[in-house]
Amino acid sequence: MNLNLENIDKTLESKIRLGIMAVLMVNESMDFKSLRTLLNLTDGNLVTHTRTLENAGYIVSVKQFVGRVPNTSYRATDQGREAFRRHLQALESLLNAASQTSGE
């Protein structure tokens, strides 16, 4: 039996991007510093992965000033939320199929 990997989302294969999306699925939005701290990332790492998610249309960033300090926050788009759900379903299906083949 072959396992179907077609529905795995390439954009969400990275554990960092998966983590960013997981955080944004349960929070309306999150600012750069909080997201960086929560996921224990460097500035450059977070920028690179958020840019990939933005380019895919999965998140949007909002840049503003809080006082005189620049602040960037992120939120998941509807497209990103749906992609995340589909990706999790694909992983579940993969696990179920793998567990069925291990019993053969």
PDB file of N, CA and C in Angstrom:
ATOM      1  N   MET A   1       0.843  -1.190   0.000  1.00  0.00           N
ATOM      2  CA  MET A   1       0.000   0.000   0.000  1.00  0.00           C
ATOM      3  C   MET A   1       0.883   1.247   0.000  1.00  0.00           C
ATOM      4  N   ASN A   2       0.568   2.203  -0.861  1.00  0.00           N
ATOM      5  CA  ASN A   2       1.294   3.474  -0.910  1.00  0.00           C
ATOM      6  C   ASN A   2       0.586   4.506  -0.051  1.00  0.00           C
ATOM      7  N   LEU A   3       1.370   5.314   0.637  1.00  0.00           N
ATOM      8  CA  LEU A   3       0.805   6.393   1.446  1.00  0.00           C
ATOM      9  C   LEU A   3       0.676   7.636   0.582  1.00  0.00           C
ATOM     10  N   ASN A   4      -0.465   8.298   0.663  1.00  0.00           N
ATOM     11  CA  ASN A   4      -0.741   9.483  -0.150  1.00  0.00           C
ATOM     12  C   ASN A   4      -0.171  10.729   0.538  1.00  0.00           C
ATOM     13  N   LEU A   5       0.813  11.344  -0.105  1.00  0.00           N
ATOM     14  CA  LEU A   5       1.432  12.556   0.432  1.00  0.00           C
ATOM     15  C   LEU A   5       1.021  13.797  -0.340  1.00  0.00           C
ATOM     16  N   GLU A   6       0.111  13.648  -1.295  1.00  0.00           N
ATOM     17  CA  GLU A   6      -0.268  14.764  -2.171  1.00  0.00           C
ATOM     18  C   GLU A   6      -0.879  15.944  -1.435  1.00  0.00           C
ATOM     19  N   ASN A   7      -1.603  15.702  -0.377  1.00  0.00           N
ATOM     20  CA  ASN A   7      -2.323  16.786   0.297  1.00  0.00           C
ATOM     21  C   ASN A   7      -1.495  17.492   1.369  1.00  0.00           C
ATOM     22  N   ILE A   8      -0.243  17.069   1.538  1.00  0.00           N
ATOM     23  CA  ILE A   8       0.638  17.752   2.483  1.00  0.00           C
ATOM     24  C   ILE A   8       1.035  19.091   1.857  1.00  0.00           C
ATOM     25  N   ASP A   9       0.842  20.165   2.595  1.00  0.00           N
ATOM     26  CA  ASP A   9       1.119  21.522   2.095  1.00  0.00           C
ATOM     27  C   ASP A   9       2.611  21.829   2.231  1.00  0.00           C
ATOM     28  N   LYS A  10       3.290  22.015   1.114  1.00  0.00           N
ATOM     29  CA  LYS A  10       4.735  22.276   1.119  1.00  0.00           C
ATOM     30  C   LYS A  10       5.085  23.516   1.954  1.00  0.00           C
ATOM     31  N   THR A  11       4.226  24.515   1.903  1.00  0.00           N
ATOM     32  CA  THR A  11       4.497  25.741   2.658  1.00  0.00           C
ATOM     33  C   THR A  11       4.500  25.471   4.155  1.00  0.00           C
ATOM     34  N   LEU A  12       3.694  24.518   4.598  1.00  0.00           N
ATOM     35  CA  LEU A  12       3.566  24.231   6.031  1.00  0.00           C
ATOM     36  C   LEU A  12       4.434  23.061   6.479  1.00  0.00           C
ATOM     37  N   GLU A  13       5.294  22.546   5.615  1.00  0.00           N
ATOM     38  CA  GLU A  13       6.185  21.448   6.011  1.00  0.00           C
ATOM     39  C   GLU A  13       7.221  21.894   7.037  1.00  0.00           C
ATOM     40  N   SER A  14       7.614  23.149   6.981  1.00  0.00           N
ATOM     41  CA  SER A  14       8.596  23.680   7.927  1.00  0.00           C
ATOM     42  C   SER A  14       7.985  23.755   9.326  1.00  0.00           C
ATOM     43  N   LYS A  15       8.729  23.262  10.315  1.00  0.00           N
ATOM     44  CA  LYS A  15       8.199  23.300  11.685  1.00  0.00           C
ATOM     45  C   LYS A  15       8.020  24.731  12.179  1.00  0.00           C
ATOM     46  N   ILE A  16       8.832  25.649  11.684  1.00  0.00           N
ATOM     47  CA  ILE A  16       8.693  27.046  12.100  1.00  0.00           C
ATOM     48  C   ILE A  16       7.412  27.644  11.524  1.00  0.00           C
ATOM     49  N   ARG A  17       7.173  27.425  10.231  1.00  0.00           N
ATOM     50  CA  ARG A  17       5.946  27.962   9.623  1.00  0.00           C
ATOM     51  C   ARG A  17       4.718  27.292  10.210  1.00  0.00           C
ATOM     52  N   LEU A  18       4.813  26.004  10.503  1.00  0.00           N
ATOM     53  CA  LEU A  18       3.703  25.304  11.150  1.00  0.00           C
ATOM     54  C   LEU A  18       3.442  25.915  12.533  1.00  0.00           C
ATOM     55  N   GLY A  19       4.515  26.222  13.251  1.00  0.00           N
ATOM     56  CA  GLY A  19       4.379  26.846  14.570  1.00  0.00           C
ATOM     57  C   GLY A  19       3.759  28.234  14.496  1.00  0.00           C
ATOM     58  N   ILE A  20       4.191  29.031  13.529  1.00  0.00           N
ATOM     59  CA  ILE A  20       3.621  30.370  13.351  1.00  0.00           C
ATOM     60  C   ILE A  20       2.125  30.259  13.087  1.00  0.00           C
ATOM     61  N   MET A  21       1.760  29.370  12.171  1.00  0.00           N
ATOM     62  CA  MET A  21       0.342  29.209  11.840  1.00  0.00           C
ATOM     63  C   MET A  21      -0.450  28.686  13.032  1.00  0.00           C
ATOM     64  N   ALA A  22       0.122  27.757  13.790  1.00  0.00           N
ATOM     65  CA  ALA A  22      -0.578  27.221  14.964  1.00  0.00           C
ATOM     66  C   ALA A  22      -0.880  28.345  15.959  1.00  0.00           C
ATOM     67  N   VAL A  23       0.099  29.208  16.184  1.00  0.00           N
ATOM     68  CA  VAL A  23      -0.095  30.332  17.101  1.00  0.00           C
ATOM     69  C   VAL A  23      -1.177  31.267  16.569  1.00  0.00           C
ATOM     70  N   LEU A  24      -1.140  31.553  15.271  1.00  0.00           N
ATOM     71  CA  LEU A  24      -2.107  32.494  14.698  1.00  0.00           C
ATOM     72  C   LEU A  24      -3.493  31.877  14.526  1.00  0.00           C
ATOM     73  N   MET A  25      -3.588  30.566  14.582  1.00  0.00           N
ATOM     74  CA  MET A  25      -4.904  29.913  14.521  1.00  0.00           C
ATOM     75  C   MET A  25      -5.674  30.119  15.827  1.00  0.00           C
ATOM     76  N   VAL A  26      -4.967  30.254  16.938  1.00  0.00           N
ATOM     77  CA  VAL A  26      -5.631  30.377  18.235  1.00  0.00           C
ATOM     78  C   VAL A  26      -5.559  31.789  18.812  1.00  0.00           C
ATOM     79  N   ASN A  27      -4.897  32.684  18.105  1.00  0.00           N
ATOM     80  CA  ASN A  27      -4.830  34.092  18.502  1.00  0.00           C
ATOM     81  C   ASN A  27      -5.260  34.939  17.315  1.00  0.00           C
ATOM     82  N   GLU A  28      -6.040  35.958  17.573  1.00  0.00           N
ATOM     83  CA  GLU A  28      -6.492  36.821  16.481  1.00  0.00           C
ATOM     84  C   GLU A  28      -5.303  37.439  15.749  1.00  0.00           C
ATOM     85  N   SER A  29      -4.310  37.873  16.518  1.00  0.00           N
ATOM     86  CA  SER A  29      -3.081  38.404  15.941  1.00  0.00           C
ATOM     87  C   SER A  29      -1.993  38.296  16.995  1.00  0.00           C
ATOM     88  N   MET A  30      -0.756  38.469  16.548  1.00  0.00           N
ATOM     89  CA  MET A  30       0.362  38.460  17.486  1.00  0.00           C
ATOM     90  C   MET A  30       1.463  39.350  16.925  1.00  0.00           C
ATOM     91  N   ASP A  31       2.090  40.117  17.828  1.00  0.00           N
ATOM     92  CA  ASP A  31       3.150  41.011  17.383  1.00  0.00           C
ATOM     93  C   ASP A  31       4.465  40.248  17.214  1.00  0.00           C
ATOM     94  N   PHE A  32       5.366  40.859  16.473  1.00  0.00           N
ATOM     95  CA  PHE A  32       6.646  40.247  16.103  1.00  0.00           C
ATOM     96  C   PHE A  32       7.416  39.758  17.328  1.00  0.00           C
ATOM     97  N   LYS A  33       7.583  40.632  18.317  1.00  0.00           N
ATOM     98  CA  LYS A  33       8.378  40.276  19.498  1.00  0.00           C
ATOM     99  C   LYS A  33       7.779  39.093  20.248  1.00  0.00           C
ATOM    100  N   SER A  34       6.472  39.097  20.424  1.00  0.00           N
ATOM    101  CA  SER A  34       5.820  37.998  21.154  1.00  0.00           C
ATOM    102  C   SER A  34       5.952  36.687  20.396  1.00  0.00           C
ATOM    103  N   LEU A  35       5.765  36.741  19.088  1.00  0.00           N
ATOM    104  CA  LEU A  35       5.880  35.545  18.254  1.00  0.00           C
ATOM    105  C   LEU A  35       7.324  35.020  18.279  1.00  0.00           C
ATOM    106  N   ARG A  36       8.276  35.920  18.177  1.00  0.00           N
ATOM    107  CA  ARG A  36       9.696  35.537  18.221  1.00  0.00           C
ATOM    108  C   ARG A  36      10.036  34.863  19.554  1.00  0.00           C
ATOM    109  N   THR A  37       9.572  35.443  20.641  1.00  0.00           N
ATOM    110  CA  THR A  37       9.856  34.892  21.967  1.00  0.00           C
ATOM    111  C   THR A  37       9.162  33.548  22.165  1.00  0.00           C
ATOM    112  N   LEU A  38       7.902  33.478  21.809  1.00  0.00           N
ATOM    113  CA  LEU A  38       7.123  32.252  21.994  1.00  0.00           C
ATOM    114  C   LEU A  38       7.731  31.074  21.240  1.00  0.00           C
ATOM    115  N   LEU A  39       8.189  31.319  20.013  1.00  0.00           N
ATOM    116  CA  LEU A  39       8.735  30.245  19.181  1.00  0.00           C
ATOM    117  C   LEU A  39      10.257  30.121  19.300  1.00  0.00           C
ATOM    118  N   ASN A  40      10.870  30.995  20.119  1.00  0.00           N
ATOM    119  CA  ASN A  40      12.314  30.958  20.370  1.00  0.00           C
ATOM    120  C   ASN A  40      13.110  31.048  19.062  1.00  0.00           C
ATOM    121  N   LEU A  41      12.808  32.103  18.292  1.00  0.00           N
ATOM    122  CA  LEU A  41      13.441  32.297  16.988  1.00  0.00           C
ATOM    123  C   LEU A  41      14.303  33.546  16.987  1.00  0.00           C
ATOM    124  N   THR A  42      15.209  33.620  16.027  1.00  0.00           N
ATOM    125  CA  THR A  42      15.963  34.858  15.805  1.00  0.00           C
ATOM    126  C   THR A  42      15.097  35.781  14.949  1.00  0.00           C
ATOM    127  N   ASP A  43      15.441  37.052  14.939  1.00  0.00           N
ATOM    128  CA  ASP A  43      14.711  38.011  14.100  1.00  0.00           C
ATOM    129  C   ASP A  43      14.724  37.570  12.640  1.00  0.00           C
ATOM    130  N   GLY A  44      15.909  37.225  12.150  1.00  0.00           N
ATOM    131  CA  GLY A  44      16.049  36.847  10.744  1.00  0.00           C
ATOM    132  C   GLY A  44      15.248  35.611  10.387  1.00  0.00           C
ATOM    133  N   ASN A  45      15.257  34.637  11.272  1.00  0.00           N
ATOM    134  CA  ASN A  45      14.497  33.413  11.032  1.00  0.00           C
ATOM    135  C   ASN A  45      13.007  33.709  10.951  1.00  0.00           C
ATOM    136  N   LEU A  46      12.511  34.502  11.886  1.00  0.00           N
ATOM    137  CA  LEU A  46      11.086  34.828  11.887  1.00  0.00           C
ATOM    138  C   LEU A  46      10.708  35.628  10.644  1.00  0.00           C
ATOM    139  N   VAL A  47      11.536  36.585  10.268  1.00  0.00           N
ATOM    140  CA  VAL A  47      11.258  37.397   9.077  1.00  0.00           C
ATOM    141  C   VAL A  47      11.172  36.513   7.839  1.00  0.00           C
ATOM    142  N   THR A  48      12.122  35.614   7.692  1.00  0.00           N
ATOM    143  CA  THR A  48      12.155  34.738   6.514  1.00  0.00           C
ATOM    144  C   THR A  48      10.888  33.889   6.420  1.00  0.00           C
ATOM    145  N   HIS A  49      10.496  33.285   7.532  1.00  0.00           N
ATOM    146  CA  HIS A  49       9.340  32.386   7.502  1.00  0.00           C
ATOM    147  C   HIS A  49       8.007  33.136   7.413  1.00  0.00           C
ATOM    148  N   THR A  50       7.909  34.304   8.048  1.00  0.00           N
ATOM    149  CA  THR A  50       6.671  35.072   7.908  1.00  0.00           C
ATOM    150  C   THR A  50       6.527  35.593   6.482  1.00  0.00           C
ATOM    151  N   ARG A  51       7.647  35.943   5.856  1.00  0.00           N
ATOM    152  CA  ARG A  51       7.592  36.402   4.460  1.00  0.00           C
ATOM    153  C   ARG A  51       7.077  35.276   3.550  1.00  0.00           C
ATOM    154  N   THR A  52       7.535  34.059   3.769  1.00  0.00           N
ATOM    155  CA  THR A  52       7.068  32.914   2.979  1.00  0.00           C
ATOM    156  C   THR A  52       5.562  32.720   3.160  1.00  0.00           C
ATOM    157  N   LEU A  53       5.099  32.823   4.400  1.00  0.00           N
ATOM    158  CA  LEU A  53       3.660  32.664   4.663  1.00  0.00           C
ATOM    159  C   LEU A  53       2.859  33.815   4.058  1.00  0.00           C
ATOM    160  N   GLU A  54       3.409  35.013   4.093  1.00  0.00           N
ATOM    161  CA  GLU A  54       2.740  36.161   3.468  1.00  0.00           C
ATOM    162  C   GLU A  54       2.652  35.987   1.960  1.00  0.00           C
ATOM    163  N   ASN A  55       3.741  35.565   1.354  1.00  0.00           N
ATOM    164  CA  ASN A  55       3.756  35.363  -0.097  1.00  0.00           C
ATOM    165  C   ASN A  55       2.762  34.285  -0.528  1.00  0.00           C
ATOM    166  N   ALA A  56       2.522  33.319   0.337  1.00  0.00           N
ATOM    167  CA  ALA A  56       1.551  32.263   0.039  1.00  0.00           C
ATOM    168  C   ALA A  56       0.115  32.735   0.282  1.00  0.00           C
ATOM    169  N   GLY A  57      -0.034  33.905   0.918  1.00  0.00           N
ATOM    170  CA  GLY A  57      -1.369  34.419   1.227  1.00  0.00           C
ATOM    171  C   GLY A  57      -1.953  33.849   2.508  1.00  0.00           C
ATOM    172  N   TYR A  58      -1.116  33.212   3.331  1.00  0.00           N
ATOM    173  CA  TYR A  58      -1.590  32.564   4.557  1.00  0.00           C
ATOM    174  C   TYR A  58      -1.661  33.508   5.752  1.00  0.00           C
ATOM    175  N   ILE A  59      -0.840  34.563   5.738  1.00  0.00           N
ATOM    176  CA  ILE A  59      -0.871  35.555   6.812  1.00  0.00           C
ATOM    177  C   ILE A  59      -0.744  36.942   6.208  1.00  0.00           C
ATOM    178  N   VAL A  60      -1.127  37.939   6.987  1.00  0.00           N
ATOM    179  CA  VAL A  60      -0.883  39.332   6.617  1.00  0.00           C
ATOM    180  C   VAL A  60      -0.171  40.004   7.778  1.00  0.00           C
ATOM    181  N   SER A  61       0.646  40.989   7.446  1.00  0.00           N
ATOM    182  CA  SER A  61       1.322  41.756   8.482  1.00  0.00           C
ATOM    183  C   SER A  61       0.754  43.165   8.497  1.00  0.00           C
ATOM    184  N   VAL A  62       0.726  43.721   9.692  1.00  0.00           N
ATOM    185  CA  VAL A  62       0.273  45.097   9.867  1.00  0.00           C
ATOM    186  C   VAL A  62       1.404  45.837  10.566  1.00  0.00           C
ATOM    187  N   LYS A  63       1.915  46.861   9.890  1.00  0.00           N
ATOM    188  CA  LYS A  63       3.018  47.644  10.445  1.00  0.00           C
ATOM    189  C   LYS A  63       2.465  48.979  10.934  1.00  0.00           C
ATOM    190  N   GLN A  64       2.797  49.294  12.179  1.00  0.00           N
ATOM    191  CA  GLN A  64       2.326  50.550  12.759  1.00  0.00           C
ATOM    192  C   GLN A  64       3.337  51.005  13.803  1.00  0.00           C
ATOM    193  N   PHE A  65       3.105  52.173  14.348  1.00  0.00           N
ATOM    194  CA  PHE A  65       3.951  52.685  15.413  1.00  0.00           C
ATOM    195  C   PHE A  65       3.163  52.672  16.712  1.00  0.00           C
ATOM    196  N   VAL A  66       3.797  52.199  17.767  1.00  0.00           N
ATOM    197  CA  VAL A  66       3.246  52.278  19.104  1.00  0.00           C
ATOM    198  C   VAL A  66       4.123  53.299  19.819  1.00  0.00           C
ATOM    199  N   GLY A  67       3.561  54.498  19.990  1.00  0.00           N
ATOM    200  CA  GLY A  67       4.403  55.615  20.416  1.00  0.00           C
ATOM    201  C   GLY A  67       5.323  55.938  19.259  1.00  0.00           C
ATOM    202  N   ARG A  68       6.601  55.860  19.499  1.00  0.00           N
ATOM    203  CA  ARG A  68       7.578  56.104  18.426  1.00  0.00           C
ATOM    204  C   ARG A  68       8.281  54.807  18.009  1.00  0.00           C
ATOM    205  N   VAL A  69       7.786  53.699  18.520  1.00  0.00           N
ATOM    206  CA  VAL A  69       8.436  52.411  18.257  1.00  0.00           C
ATOM    207  C   VAL A  69       7.662  51.660  17.177  1.00  0.00           C
ATOM    208  N   PRO A  70       8.361  51.213  16.128  1.00  0.00           N
ATOM    209  CA  PRO A  70       7.678  50.434  15.095  1.00  0.00           C
ATOM    210  C   PRO A  70       7.205  49.092  15.661  1.00  0.00           C
ATOM    211  N   ASN A  71       6.036  48.671  15.240  1.00  0.00           N
ATOM    212  CA  ASN A  71       5.461  47.421  15.715  1.00  0.00           C
ATOM    213  C   ASN A  71       4.827  46.693  14.532  1.00  0.00           C
ATOM    214  N   THR A  72       5.205  45.441  14.340  1.00  0.00           N
ATOM    215  CA  THR A  72       4.622  44.612  13.289  1.00  0.00           C
ATOM    216  C   THR A  72       3.829  43.509  13.949  1.00  0.00           C
ATOM    217  N   SER A  73       2.599  43.319  13.503  1.00  0.00           N
ATOM    218  CA  SER A  73       1.802  42.202  14.005  1.00  0.00           C
ATOM    219  C   SER A  73       1.324  41.383  12.815  1.00  0.00           C
ATOM    220  N   TYR A  74       0.970  40.153  13.098  1.00  0.00           N
ATOM    221  CA  TYR A  74       0.561  39.208  12.062  1.00  0.00           C
ATOM    222  C   TYR A  74      -0.784  38.600  12.425  1.00  0.00           C
ATOM    223  N   ARG A  75      -1.524  38.251  11.393  1.00  0.00           N
ATOM    224  CA  ARG A  75      -2.767  37.495  11.593  1.00  0.00           C
ATOM    225  C   ARG A  75      -2.937  36.532  10.425  1.00  0.00           C
ATOM    226  N   ALA A  76      -3.604  35.424  10.702  1.00  0.00           N
ATOM    227  CA  ALA A  76      -3.866  34.425   9.660  1.00  0.00           C
ATOM    228  C   ALA A  76      -5.019  34.900   8.785  1.00  0.00           C
ATOM    229  N   THR A  77      -4.902  34.667   7.495  1.00  0.00           N
ATOM    230  CA  THR A  77      -5.985  34.982   6.563  1.00  0.00           C
ATOM    231  C   THR A  77      -6.953  33.798   6.516  1.00  0.00           C
ATOM    232  N   ASP A  78      -8.107  34.003   5.918  1.00  0.00           N
ATOM    233  CA  ASP A  78      -9.049  32.892   5.737  1.00  0.00           C
ATOM    234  C   ASP A  78      -8.400  31.782   4.916  1.00  0.00           C
ATOM    235  N   GLN A  79      -7.668  32.180   3.886  1.00  0.00           N
ATOM    236  CA  GLN A  79      -6.969  31.199   3.050  1.00  0.00           C
ATOM    237  C   GLN A  79      -5.951  30.416   3.886  1.00  0.00           C
ATOM    238  N   GLY A  80      -5.227  31.095   4.748  1.00  0.00           N
ATOM    239  CA  GLY A  80      -4.249  30.442   5.609  1.00  0.00           C
ATOM    240  C   GLY A  80      -4.890  29.507   6.606  1.00  0.00           C
ATOM    241  N   ARG A  81      -6.013  29.919   7.171  1.00  0.00           N
ATOM    242  CA  ARG A  81      -6.734  29.060   8.126  1.00  0.00           C
ATOM    243  C   ARG A  81      -7.206  27.775   7.452  1.00  0.00           C
ATOM    244  N   GLU A  82      -7.731  27.922   6.252  1.00  0.00           N
ATOM    245  CA  GLU A  82      -8.199  26.750   5.510  1.00  0.00           C
ATOM    246  C   GLU A  82      -7.029  25.846   5.122  1.00  0.00           C
ATOM    247  N   ALA A  83      -5.926  26.419   4.695  1.00  0.00           N
ATOM    248  CA  ALA A  83      -4.737  25.631   4.335  1.00  0.00           C
ATOM    249  C   ALA A  83      -4.211  24.871   5.553  1.00  0.00           C
ATOM    250  N   PHE A  84      -4.215  25.514   6.707  1.00  0.00           N
ATOM    251  CA  PHE A  84      -3.751  24.868   7.935  1.00  0.00           C
ATOM    252  C   PHE A  84      -4.651  23.685   8.281  1.00  0.00           C
ATOM    253  N   ARG A  85      -5.959  23.886   8.205  1.00  0.00           N
ATOM    254  CA  ARG A  85      -6.905  22.791   8.487  1.00  0.00           C
ATOM    255  C   ARG A  85      -6.704  21.623   7.524  1.00  0.00           C
ATOM    256  N   ARG A  86      -6.572  21.929   6.231  1.00  0.00           N
ATOM    257  CA  ARG A  86      -6.348  20.871   5.230  1.00  0.00           C
ATOM    258  C   ARG A  86      -5.040  20.131   5.497  1.00  0.00           C
ATOM    259  N   HIS A  87      -4.015  20.864   5.883  1.00  0.00           N
ATOM    260  CA  HIS A  87      -2.721  20.250   6.165  1.00  0.00           C
ATOM    261  C   HIS A  87      -2.841  19.296   7.358  1.00  0.00           C
ATOM    262  N   LEU A  88      -3.510  19.731   8.404  1.00  0.00           N
ATOM    263  CA  LEU A  88      -3.692  18.858   9.575  1.00  0.00           C
ATOM    264  C   LEU A  88      -4.505  17.621   9.218  1.00  0.00           C
ATOM    265  N   GLN A  89      -5.534  17.794   8.400  1.00  0.00           N
ATOM    266  CA  GLN A  89      -6.325  16.639   7.953  1.00  0.00           C
ATOM    267  C   GLN A  89      -5.465  15.675   7.140  1.00  0.00           C
ATOM    268  N   ALA A  90      -4.598  16.207   6.297  1.00  0.00           N
ATOM    269  CA  ALA A  90      -3.710  15.364   5.490  1.00  0.00           C
ATOM    270  C   ALA A  90      -2.746  14.589   6.388  1.00  0.00           C
ATOM    271  N   LEU A  91      -2.225  15.245   7.423  1.00  0.00           N
ATOM    272  CA  LEU A  91      -1.335  14.559   8.359  1.00  0.00           C
ATOM    273  C   LEU A  91      -2.076  13.459   9.112  1.00  0.00           C
ATOM    274  N   GLU A  92      -3.309  13.747   9.528  1.00  0.00           N
ATOM    275  CA  GLU A  92      -4.137  12.739  10.204  1.00  0.00           C
ATOM    276  C   GLU A  92      -4.388  11.545   9.304  1.00  0.00           C
ATOM    277  N   SER A  93      -4.737  11.808   8.057  1.00  0.00           N
ATOM    278  CA  SER A  93      -4.980  10.733   7.095  1.00  0.00           C
ATOM    279  C   SER A  93      -3.720   9.896   6.883  1.00  0.00           C
ATOM    280  N   LEU A  94      -2.587  10.560   6.802  1.00  0.00           N
ATOM    281  CA  LEU A  94      -1.315   9.866   6.630  1.00  0.00           C
ATOM    282  C   LEU A  94      -1.031   8.950   7.829  1.00  0.00           C
ATOM    283  N   LEU A  95      -1.247   9.474   9.030  1.00  0.00           N
ATOM    284  CA  LEU A  95      -1.037   8.662  10.231  1.00  0.00           C
ATOM    285  C   LEU A  95      -1.980   7.470  10.284  1.00  0.00           C
ATOM    286  N   ASN A  96      -3.242   7.708   9.935  1.00  0.00           N
ATOM    287  CA  ASN A  96      -4.215   6.613   9.935  1.00  0.00           C
ATOM    288  C   ASN A  96      -3.836   5.545   8.923  1.00  0.00           C
ATOM    289  N   ALA A  97      -3.444   5.968   7.736  1.00  0.00           N
ATOM    290  CA  ALA A  97      -3.063   5.011   6.693  1.00  0.00           C
ATOM    291  C   ALA A  97      -1.807   4.246   7.118  1.00  0.00           C
ATOM    292  N   ALA A  98      -0.859   4.940   7.718  1.00  0.00           N
ATOM    293  CA  ALA A  98       0.385   4.288   8.169  1.00  0.00           C
ATOM    294  C   ALA A  98       0.095   3.270   9.256  1.00  0.00           C
ATOM    295  N   SER A  99      -0.818   3.598  10.162  1.00  0.00           N
ATOM    296  CA  SER A  99      -1.133   2.660  11.250  1.00  0.00           C
ATOM    297  C   SER A  99      -1.857   1.424  10.720  1.00  0.00           C
ATOM    298  N   GLN A 100      -2.635   1.592   9.648  1.00  0.00           N
ATOM    299  CA  GLN A 100      -3.322   0.447   9.054  1.00  0.00           C
ATOM    300  C   GLN A 100      -2.338  -0.474   8.335  1.00  0.00           C
ATOM    301  N   THR A 101      -1.313   0.096   7.728  1.00  0.00           N
ATOM    302  CA  THR A 101      -0.339  -0.731   7.011  1.00  0.00           C
ATOM    303  C   THR A 101       0.588  -1.437   7.968  1.00  0.00           C
ATOM    304  N   SER A 102       0.788  -0.895   9.160  1.00  0.00           N
ATOM    305  CA  SER A 102       1.705  -1.538  10.115  1.00  0.00           C
ATOM    306  C   SER A 102       1.100  -2.819  10.665  1.00  0.00           C
ATOM    307  N   GLY A 103      -0.212  -2.966  10.593  1.00  0.00           N
ATOM    308  CA  GLY A 103      -0.878  -4.157  11.088  1.00  0.00           C
ATOM    309  C   GLY A 103      -0.981  -5.261  10.057  1.00  0.00           C
ATOM    310  N   GLU A 104      -0.554  -4.999   8.836  1.00  0.00           N
ATOM    311  CA  GLU A 104      -0.685  -6.009   7.776  1.00  0.00           C
ATOM    312  C   GLU A 104       0.406  -7.043   7.837  1.00  0.00           C
TER     313      GLU A 104
END
